[in-house]
Amino acid sequence: MGKSTINRIAKLAKESNYTLNQCSFIPRIYPLSEQFTLNAVKCEQVQKLITSRASGKAPGVDKIPVHVIKDCLPAILPSLTSIINATFEFDTFPLAWKTAEATLIPKVGDHDIPNINRPISLLPVPSKVCERVAHDQFTSYLLSRGRLSS
């Protein structure tokens, strides 16, 4: 299959008078006014996102349920907000927040059949909060430029 694909590509390139070894990708340069950047988030925004999360959801690999995070939020909020802001500033997502616990959710049917199960990944709550902050900022950016309908 690989050999026939290579031959077809070579034939198509020859018909189109295209040199396969040439580098044809030219990156587009966007003006600063059109570039998206993640902005620092305030403690109040992080607090709102955490308090609005459903408490009954399964915890991630860190085994810290949402209700525990809500209970200790006054003590951890400044640090959590600082970590989220550092993530945006340095373009580095904490490794511990990338680690998920995979679990199987059975679909309707015979549970002994492996394909009947649906895998889900349980991520730590701070990971989901950081992701939501980025999502909200990006959505807001697109809406402000008319590139997304509300």
C-alpha atoms as a PDB file:
ATOM      1  CA  MET A   1       0.000   0.000   0.000  1.00  0.00           C
ATOM      2  CA  GLY A   2       2.799   2.436   0.865  1.00  0.00           C
ATOM      3  CA  LYS A   3       4.611   1.851  -2.431  1.00  0.00           C
ATOM      4  CA  SER A   4       1.473   2.422  -4.537  1.00  0.00           C
ATOM      5  CA  THR A   5       0.674   5.602  -2.571  1.00  0.00           C
ATOM      6  CA  ILE A   6       4.183   6.929  -3.160  1.00  0.00           C
ATOM      7  CA  ASN A   7       3.871   6.154  -6.877  1.00  0.00           C
ATOM      8  CA  ARG A   8       0.499   7.924  -7.089  1.00  0.00           C
ATOM      9  CA  ILE A   9       1.877  10.979  -5.275  1.00  0.00           C
ATOM     10  CA  ALA A  10       4.877  11.105  -7.621  1.00  0.00           C
ATOM     11  CA  LYS A  11       2.600  10.791 -10.665  1.00  0.00           C
ATOM     12  CA  LEU A  12       0.254  13.521  -9.422  1.00  0.00           C
ATOM     13  CA  ALA A  13       3.203  15.814  -8.644  1.00  0.00           C
ATOM     14  CA  LYS A  14       4.629  15.270 -12.129  1.00  0.00           C
ATOM     15  CA  GLU A  15       1.243  16.009 -13.742  1.00  0.00           C
ATOM     16  CA  SER A  16       0.954  19.195 -11.673  1.00  0.00           C
ATOM     17  CA  ASN A  17       4.535  20.250 -12.390  1.00  0.00           C
ATOM     18  CA  TYR A  18       5.293  20.203  -8.660  1.00  0.00           C
ATOM     19  CA  THR A  19       8.688  19.388  -7.158  1.00  0.00           C
ATOM     20  CA  LEU A  20       8.165  17.065  -4.208  1.00  0.00           C
ATOM     21  CA  ASN A  21      11.314  18.089  -2.350  1.00  0.00           C
ATOM     22  CA  GLN A  22      10.518  21.783  -2.291  1.00  0.00           C
ATOM     23  CA  CYS A  23       9.351  23.364   0.936  1.00  0.00           C
ATOM     24  CA  SER A  24       6.051  24.966   0.042  1.00  0.00           C
ATOM     25  CA  PHE A  25       4.781  25.874   3.499  1.00  0.00           C
ATOM     26  CA  ILE A  26       4.991  29.580   4.213  1.00  0.00           C
ATOM     27  CA  PRO A  27       3.756  30.488   7.698  1.00  0.00           C
ATOM     28  CA  ARG A  28       1.312  33.364   7.847  1.00  0.00           C
ATOM     29  CA  ILE A  29       2.406  36.285   9.982  1.00  0.00           C
ATOM     30  CA  TYR A  30      -0.447  37.809  11.975  1.00  0.00           C
ATOM     31  CA  PRO A  31      -0.306  41.375  13.297  1.00  0.00           C
ATOM     32  CA  LEU A  32      -0.207  41.631  17.094  1.00  0.00           C
ATOM     33  CA  SER A  33      -3.770  42.963  17.104  1.00  0.00           C
ATOM     34  CA  GLU A  34      -4.977  39.633  15.675  1.00  0.00           C
ATOM     35  CA  GLN A  35      -2.936  37.344  17.925  1.00  0.00           C
ATOM     36  CA  PHE A  36      -4.576  35.567  20.837  1.00  0.00           C
ATOM     37  CA  THR A  37      -2.868  35.441  24.216  1.00  0.00           C
ATOM     38  CA  LEU A  38      -4.092  34.100  27.520  1.00  0.00           C
ATOM     39  CA  ASN A  39      -4.407  36.787  30.175  1.00  0.00           C
ATOM     40  CA  ALA A  40      -3.871  36.566  33.918  1.00  0.00           C
ATOM     41  CA  VAL A  41      -6.953  35.508  35.838  1.00  0.00           C
ATOM     42  CA  LYS A  42      -8.155  36.969  39.148  1.00  0.00           C
ATOM     43  CA  CYS A  43      -8.842  34.952  42.295  1.00  0.00           C
ATOM     44  CA  GLU A  44     -12.530  35.844  42.054  1.00  0.00           C
ATOM     45  CA  GLN A  45     -12.806  34.208  38.629  1.00  0.00           C
ATOM     46  CA  VAL A  46     -11.133  31.002  39.820  1.00  0.00           C
ATOM     47  CA  GLN A  47     -13.338  30.975  42.925  1.00  0.00           C
ATOM     48  CA  LYS A  48     -16.479  31.345  40.802  1.00  0.00           C
ATOM     49  CA  LEU A  49     -15.428  28.453  38.557  1.00  0.00           C
ATOM     50  CA  ILE A  50     -14.684  26.158  41.484  1.00  0.00           C
ATOM     51  CA  THR A  51     -17.833  26.960  43.451  1.00  0.00           C
ATOM     52  CA  SER A  52     -19.960  26.389  40.336  1.00  0.00           C
ATOM     53  CA  ARG A  53     -18.586  22.856  39.831  1.00  0.00           C
ATOM     54  CA  ALA A  54     -20.839  19.956  40.767  1.00  0.00           C
ATOM     55  CA  SER A  55     -19.676  18.402  44.031  1.00  0.00           C
ATOM     56  CA  GLY A  56     -20.761  14.860  43.206  1.00  0.00           C
ATOM     57  CA  LYS A  57     -18.335  14.263  40.345  1.00  0.00           C
ATOM     58  CA  ALA A  58     -15.608  11.639  40.603  1.00  0.00           C
ATOM     59  CA  PRO A  59     -12.161  12.941  41.607  1.00  0.00           C
ATOM     60  CA  GLY A  60      -9.122  12.662  39.376  1.00  0.00           C
ATOM     61  CA  VAL A  61      -5.912  10.735  39.929  1.00  0.00           C
ATOM     62  CA  ASP A  62      -5.128  12.997  42.924  1.00  0.00           C
ATOM     63  CA  LYS A  63      -8.278  11.646  44.662  1.00  0.00           C
ATOM     64  CA  ILE A  64      -9.247  15.163  45.842  1.00  0.00           C
ATOM     65  CA  PRO A  65     -13.010  15.584  45.409  1.00  0.00           C
ATOM     66  CA  VAL A  66     -14.535  18.921  44.463  1.00  0.00           C
ATOM     67  CA  HIS A  67     -16.210  19.351  47.865  1.00  0.00           C
ATOM     68  CA  VAL A  68     -12.803  19.195  49.619  1.00  0.00           C
ATOM     69  CA  ILE A  69     -11.405  21.854  47.287  1.00  0.00           C
ATOM     70  CA  LYS A  70     -14.483  24.001  47.923  1.00  0.00           C
ATOM     71  CA  ASP A  71     -14.065  23.592  51.695  1.00  0.00           C
ATOM     72  CA  CYS A  72     -10.408  24.654  51.704  1.00  0.00           C
ATOM     73  CA  LEU A  73     -10.747  27.247  48.932  1.00  0.00           C
ATOM     74  CA  PRO A  74      -9.984  30.293  51.127  1.00  0.00           C
ATOM     75  CA  ALA A  75      -6.578  28.775  51.985  1.00  0.00           C
ATOM     76  CA  ILE A  76      -5.601  27.537  48.503  1.00  0.00           C
ATOM     77  CA  LEU A  77      -7.220  30.104  46.196  1.00  0.00           C
ATOM     78  CA  PRO A  78      -4.245  32.512  45.915  1.00  0.00           C
ATOM     79  CA  SER A  79      -1.804  29.657  45.231  1.00  0.00           C
ATOM     80  CA  LEU A  80      -4.093  27.956  42.732  1.00  0.00           C
ATOM     81  CA  THR A  81      -4.673  31.244  40.899  1.00  0.00           C
ATOM     82  CA  SER A  82      -0.920  31.852  40.851  1.00  0.00           C
ATOM     83  CA  ILE A  83      -0.272  28.406  39.320  1.00  0.00           C
ATOM     84  CA  ILE A  84      -2.934  29.012  36.641  1.00  0.00           C
ATOM     85  CA  ASN A  85      -1.415  32.399  35.804  1.00  0.00           C
ATOM     86  CA  ALA A  86       2.094  30.907  35.637  1.00  0.00           C
ATOM     87  CA  THR A  87       0.722  28.249  33.289  1.00  0.00           C
ATOM     88  CA  PHE A  88      -0.497  30.976  30.941  1.00  0.00           C
ATOM     89  CA  GLU A  89       2.594  33.155  31.290  1.00  0.00           C
ATOM     90  CA  PHE A  90       5.157  30.411  30.702  1.00  0.00           C
ATOM     91  CA  ASP A  91       3.088  28.242  28.308  1.00  0.00           C
ATOM     92  CA  THR A  92       3.652  25.202  30.512  1.00  0.00           C
ATOM     93  CA  PHE A  93       0.852  23.064  31.899  1.00  0.00           C
ATOM     94  CA  PRO A  94       1.717  21.285  35.185  1.00  0.00           C
ATOM     95  CA  LEU A  95       2.588  17.652  34.543  1.00  0.00           C
ATOM     96  CA  ALA A  96       0.494  16.492  37.518  1.00  0.00           C
ATOM     97  CA  TRP A  97      -2.561  18.134  35.932  1.00  0.00           C
ATOM     98  CA  LYS A  98      -2.036  16.158  32.698  1.00  0.00           C
ATOM     99  CA  THR A  99      -2.229  12.790  34.422  1.00  0.00           C
ATOM    100  CA  ALA A 100      -5.651  11.194  34.235  1.00  0.00           C
ATOM    101  CA  GLU A 101      -7.235   8.119  35.716  1.00  0.00           C
ATOM    102  CA  ALA A 102      -8.936   6.094  33.023  1.00  0.00           C
ATOM    103  CA  THR A 103     -12.106   4.311  34.032  1.00  0.00           C
ATOM    104  CA  LEU A 104     -14.718   2.388  32.107  1.00  0.00           C
ATOM    105  CA  ILE A 105     -18.371   3.354  31.993  1.00  0.00           C
ATOM    106  CA  PRO A 106     -20.555   0.469  30.819  1.00  0.00           C
ATOM    107  CA  LYS A 107     -23.006   1.113  28.027  1.00  0.00           C
ATOM    108  CA  VAL A 108     -26.324  -0.672  27.769  1.00  0.00           C
ATOM    109  CA  GLY A 109     -25.840  -4.334  26.878  1.00  0.00           C
ATOM    110  CA  ASP A 110     -23.707  -7.283  27.896  1.00  0.00           C
ATOM    111  CA  HIS A 111     -21.074  -5.930  30.309  1.00  0.00           C
ATOM    112  CA  ASP A 112     -18.766  -8.888  29.653  1.00  0.00           C
ATOM    113  CA  ILE A 113     -18.061  -7.627  26.125  1.00  0.00           C
ATOM    114  CA  PRO A 114     -15.015  -5.271  26.319  1.00  0.00           C
ATOM    115  CA  ASN A 115     -16.185  -3.031  23.458  1.00  0.00           C
ATOM    116  CA  ILE A 116     -19.423  -2.244  25.277  1.00  0.00           C
ATOM    117  CA  ASN A 117     -17.534  -0.101  27.811  1.00  0.00           C
ATOM    118  CA  ARG A 118     -16.829   3.588  27.224  1.00  0.00           C
ATOM    119  CA  PRO A 119     -13.530   4.851  28.657  1.00  0.00           C
ATOM    120  CA  ILE A 120     -13.405   8.239  30.352  1.00  0.00           C
ATOM    121  CA  SER A 121     -10.446  10.141  31.764  1.00  0.00           C
ATOM    122  CA  LEU A 122     -10.757  11.622  35.229  1.00  0.00           C
ATOM    123  CA  LEU A 123      -8.522  14.686  35.526  1.00  0.00           C
ATOM    124  CA  PRO A 124      -7.678  16.633  38.688  1.00  0.00           C
ATOM    125  CA  VAL A 125     -10.088  19.482  39.473  1.00  0.00           C
ATOM    126  CA  PRO A 126      -7.406  22.234  39.129  1.00  0.00           C
ATOM    127  CA  SER A 127      -6.713  20.946  35.610  1.00  0.00           C
ATOM    128  CA  LYS A 128     -10.365  21.353  34.680  1.00  0.00           C
ATOM    129  CA  VAL A 129     -10.498  24.840  36.219  1.00  0.00           C
ATOM    130  CA  CYS A 130      -7.416  25.969  34.275  1.00  0.00           C
ATOM    131  CA  GLU A 131      -8.877  24.499  31.109  1.00  0.00           C
ATOM    132  CA  ARG A 132     -12.182  26.349  31.695  1.00  0.00           C
ATOM    133  CA  VAL A 133     -10.375  29.667  32.217  1.00  0.00           C
ATOM    134  CA  ALA A 134      -8.530  29.204  28.898  1.00  0.00           C
ATOM    135  CA  HIS A 135     -11.752  28.124  27.151  1.00  0.00           C
ATOM    136  CA  ASP A 136     -13.663  31.151  28.444  1.00  0.00           C
ATOM    137  CA  GLN A 137     -10.925  33.560  27.357  1.00  0.00           C
ATOM    138  CA  PHE A 138     -10.648  32.010  23.906  1.00  0.00           C
ATOM    139  CA  THR A 139     -14.419  31.964  23.417  1.00  0.00           C
ATOM    140  CA  SER A 140     -14.621  35.599  24.516  1.00  0.00           C
ATOM    141  CA  TYR A 141     -11.846  36.478  22.052  1.00  0.00           C
ATOM    142  CA  LEU A 142     -13.648  34.773  19.169  1.00  0.00           C
ATOM    143  CA  LEU A 143     -16.988  36.376  20.060  1.00  0.00           C
ATOM    144  CA  SER A 144     -15.405  39.839  20.218  1.00  0.00           C
ATOM    145  CA  ARG A 145     -14.071  39.366  16.683  1.00  0.00           C
ATOM    146  CA  GLY A 146     -17.294  37.979  15.257  1.00  0.00           C
ATOM    147  CA  ARG A 147     -15.699  34.599  14.569  1.00  0.00           C
ATOM    148  CA  LEU A 148     -18.100  32.689  16.796  1.00  0.00           C
ATOM    149  CA  SER A 149     -21.834  33.022  17.112  1.00  0.00           C
ATOM    150  CA  SER A 150     -23.212  33.195  20.643  1.00  0.00           C
END
